Amino acid sequence: MNKKITLNINGSRFDIDIEVEFAHFLEQQLEKDLNMEGSNSFKTLLQAYIRKNYDLYNQEIEIKRLLERIK
């Protein structure tokens, strides 16, 4: 089953269909980074993208550290 999430970027509306199981998590994350009620600029979108990649980078480092401890 899918759920629709709507984002406005530079005045354009984007509807995204995603699995319901993932939707709640994604909505929480989007609300932290973007304006869910109004329009977002490309700059805001790029900043959110970079923040999320930085989070992934840190997670990757932590996973590698944990794997080294396990070995």
N, C-alpha and C. Protein backbone atom coordinates (compact mmCIF):
# COMPACT_ATOMS: atom_id res chain seq x y z
N MET A 1 0.85 -1.19 0.00
CA MET A 1 0.00 0.00 0.00
C MET A 1 0.89 1.24 0.00
N ASN A 2 0.49 2.25 -0.74
CA ASN A 2 1.29 3.47 -0.86
C ASN A 2 0.60 4.65 -0.20
N LYS A 3 1.42 5.64 0.12
CA LYS A 3 0.94 6.91 0.66
C LYS A 3 1.57 8.01 -0.18
N LYS A 4 0.84 9.09 -0.38
CA LYS A 4 1.33 10.21 -1.17
C LYS A 4 1.85 11.30 -0.23
N ILE A 5 3.06 11.78 -0.52
CA ILE A 5 3.64 12.92 0.18
C ILE A 5 3.85 14.01 -0.86
N THR A 6 3.48 15.23 -0.51
CA THR A 6 3.58 16.34 -1.45
C THR A 6 4.62 17.34 -0.97
N LEU A 7 5.50 17.73 -1.88
CA LEU A 7 6.52 18.76 -1.63
C LEU A 7 6.38 19.86 -2.66
N ASN A 8 6.63 21.08 -2.24
CA ASN A 8 6.66 22.22 -3.16
C ASN A 8 8.09 22.74 -3.23
N ILE A 9 8.63 22.76 -4.45
CA ILE A 9 9.99 23.22 -4.65
C ILE A 9 9.98 24.24 -5.77
N ASN A 10 10.44 25.44 -5.42
CA ASN A 10 10.47 26.57 -6.37
C ASN A 10 9.12 26.77 -7.05
N GLY A 11 8.06 26.64 -6.29
CA GLY A 11 6.73 26.87 -6.81
C GLY A 11 6.11 25.69 -7.56
N SER A 12 6.85 24.61 -7.72
CA SER A 12 6.32 23.42 -8.38
C SER A 12 5.95 22.37 -7.35
N ARG A 13 4.83 21.73 -7.59
CA ARG A 13 4.34 20.71 -6.66
C ARG A 13 4.80 19.33 -7.13
N PHE A 14 5.31 18.55 -6.19
CA PHE A 14 5.77 17.20 -6.49
C PHE A 14 5.06 16.23 -5.55
N ASP A 15 4.35 15.28 -6.12
CA ASP A 15 3.69 14.23 -5.35
C ASP A 15 4.54 12.97 -5.44
N ILE A 16 4.84 12.40 -4.28
CA ILE A 16 5.68 11.22 -4.21
C ILE A 16 4.88 10.10 -3.59
N ASP A 17 4.78 8.98 -4.27
CA ASP A 17 4.11 7.80 -3.74
C ASP A 17 5.15 6.87 -3.13
N ILE A 18 4.98 6.56 -1.85
CA ILE A 18 5.93 5.68 -1.17
C ILE A 18 5.16 4.67 -0.32
N GLU A 19 5.85 3.63 0.08
CA GLU A 19 5.27 2.61 0.93
C GLU A 19 4.85 3.22 2.27
N VAL A 20 3.70 2.81 2.75
CA VAL A 20 3.17 3.33 4.02
C VAL A 20 4.14 3.11 5.16
N GLU A 21 4.80 1.96 5.17
CA GLU A 21 5.74 1.63 6.25
C GLU A 21 6.88 2.65 6.34
N PHE A 22 7.30 3.17 5.20
CA PHE A 22 8.39 4.14 5.14
C PHE A 22 7.89 5.58 5.28
N ALA A 23 6.63 5.81 4.99
CA ALA A 23 6.07 7.16 4.92
C ALA A 23 6.21 7.94 6.23
N HIS A 24 5.91 7.32 7.35
CA HIS A 24 5.97 8.03 8.64
C HIS A 24 7.39 8.52 8.91
N PHE A 25 8.36 7.65 8.71
CA PHE A 25 9.76 8.03 8.92
C PHE A 25 10.15 9.17 7.98
N LEU A 26 9.82 9.02 6.70
CA LEU A 26 10.19 10.04 5.71
C LEU A 26 9.55 11.38 6.03
N GLU A 27 8.29 11.38 6.42
CA GLU A 27 7.61 12.64 6.77
C GLU A 27 8.32 13.33 7.92
N GLN A 28 8.72 12.59 8.93
CA GLN A 28 9.44 13.19 10.06
C GLN A 28 10.75 13.81 9.59
N GLN A 29 11.47 13.10 8.74
CA GLN A 29 12.75 13.61 8.26
C GLN A 29 12.56 14.84 7.37
N LEU A 30 11.57 14.81 6.51
CA LEU A 30 11.31 15.96 5.63
C LEU A 30 10.91 17.19 6.44
N GLU A 31 10.13 16.99 7.49
CA GLU A 31 9.71 18.12 8.33
C GLU A 31 10.89 18.77 9.03
N LYS A 32 11.95 18.01 9.31
CA LYS A 32 13.15 18.57 9.93
C LYS A 32 13.92 19.45 8.95
N ASP A 33 13.89 19.08 7.68
CA ASP A 33 14.74 19.73 6.69
C ASP A 33 14.04 20.71 5.76
N LEU A 34 12.74 20.51 5.55
CA LEU A 34 12.04 21.31 4.55
C LEU A 34 10.76 21.91 5.11
N ASN A 35 10.24 22.90 4.43
CA ASN A 35 8.96 23.50 4.76
C ASN A 35 7.88 22.68 4.08
N MET A 36 7.14 21.91 4.84
CA MET A 36 6.13 21.02 4.26
C MET A 36 4.85 21.77 3.89
N GLU A 37 4.66 22.97 4.41
CA GLU A 37 3.44 23.74 4.14
C GLU A 37 3.60 24.71 2.99
N GLY A 38 4.81 25.18 2.76
CA GLY A 38 5.03 26.18 1.71
C GLY A 38 6.05 25.69 0.70
N SER A 39 6.56 26.61 -0.08
CA SER A 39 7.51 26.26 -1.13
C SER A 39 8.93 26.29 -0.57
N ASN A 40 9.77 25.46 -1.13
CA ASN A 40 11.18 25.39 -0.77
C ASN A 40 12.02 25.80 -1.97
N SER A 41 13.12 26.46 -1.70
CA SER A 41 14.02 26.85 -2.78
C SER A 41 14.94 25.68 -3.12
N PHE A 42 15.59 25.79 -4.26
CA PHE A 42 16.57 24.77 -4.62
C PHE A 42 17.71 24.76 -3.61
N LYS A 43 18.05 25.93 -3.09
CA LYS A 43 19.12 26.03 -2.09
C LYS A 43 18.74 25.23 -0.84
N THR A 44 17.50 25.36 -0.38
CA THR A 44 17.05 24.61 0.79
C THR A 44 17.10 23.12 0.53
N LEU A 45 16.68 22.72 -0.66
CA LEU A 45 16.71 21.31 -1.03
C LEU A 45 18.15 20.79 -1.07
N LEU A 46 19.05 21.56 -1.64
CA LEU A 46 20.46 21.16 -1.71
C LEU A 46 21.05 21.06 -0.30
N GLN A 47 20.73 22.00 0.57
CA GLN A 47 21.24 21.94 1.94
C GLN A 47 20.74 20.69 2.66
N ALA A 48 19.48 20.34 2.47
CA ALA A 48 18.93 19.12 3.08
C ALA A 48 19.64 17.89 2.54
N TYR A 49 19.89 17.87 1.25
CA TYR A 49 20.58 16.74 0.63
C TYR A 49 21.99 16.58 1.21
N ILE A 50 22.70 17.69 1.35
CA ILE A 50 24.05 17.64 1.88
C ILE A 50 24.04 17.19 3.34
N ARG A 51 23.08 17.68 4.14
CA ARG A 51 22.96 17.25 5.54
C ARG A 51 22.73 15.75 5.64
N LYS A 52 21.86 15.23 4.81
CA LYS A 52 21.56 13.78 4.85
C LYS A 52 22.78 12.97 4.41
N ASN A 53 23.52 13.46 3.43
CA ASN A 53 24.73 12.75 3.03
C ASN A 53 25.80 12.80 4.11
N TYR A 54 25.86 13.89 4.83
CA TYR A 54 26.80 13.99 5.96
C TYR A 54 26.41 12.98 7.04
N ASP A 55 25.11 12.83 7.29
CA ASP A 55 24.64 11.82 8.24
C ASP A 55 25.05 10.42 7.78
N LEU A 56 24.88 10.14 6.50
CA LEU A 56 25.27 8.83 5.96
C LEU A 56 26.78 8.61 6.08
N TYR A 57 27.53 9.65 5.85
CA TYR A 57 28.99 9.58 5.99
C TYR A 57 29.36 9.20 7.41
N ASN A 58 28.76 9.87 8.38
CA ASN A 58 29.04 9.57 9.79
C ASN A 58 28.60 8.15 10.16
N GLN A 59 27.48 7.72 9.64
CA GLN A 59 27.02 6.35 9.89
C GLN A 59 28.00 5.33 9.32
N GLU A 60 28.50 5.60 8.14
CA GLU A 60 29.48 4.71 7.51
C GLU A 60 30.74 4.59 8.36
N ILE A 61 31.22 5.71 8.87
CA ILE A 61 32.40 5.69 9.74
C ILE A 61 32.11 4.88 11.00
N GLU A 62 30.97 5.09 11.60
CA GLU A 62 30.60 4.36 12.82
C GLU A 62 30.46 2.86 12.55
N ILE A 63 29.89 2.49 11.43
CA ILE A 63 29.77 1.07 11.07
C ILE A 63 31.15 0.45 10.92
N LYS A 64 32.06 1.15 10.26
CA LYS A 64 33.43 0.64 10.10
C LYS A 64 34.11 0.47 11.45
N ARG A 65 33.92 1.42 12.36
CA ARG A 65 34.50 1.31 13.71
C ARG A 65 33.94 0.09 14.44
N LEU A 66 32.65 -0.10 14.35
CA LEU A 66 32.01 -1.24 15.01
C LEU A 66 32.50 -2.56 14.42
N LEU A 67 32.64 -2.61 13.12
CA LEU A 67 33.16 -3.83 12.48
C LEU A 67 34.59 -4.13 12.91
N GLU A 68 35.38 -3.11 13.06
CA GLU A 68 36.76 -3.31 13.53
C GLU A 68 36.77 -3.85 14.95
N ARG A 69 35.87 -3.38 15.79
CA ARG A 69 35.79 -3.88 17.18
C ARG A 69 35.37 -5.35 17.20
N ILE A 70 34.47 -5.71 16.31
CA ILE A 70 33.98 -7.09 16.26
C ILE A 70 35.10 -8.05 15.83
N LYS A 71 35.92 -7.60 14.90
CA LYS A 71 37.03 -8.43 14.41
C LYS A 71 38.02 -8.60 15.52
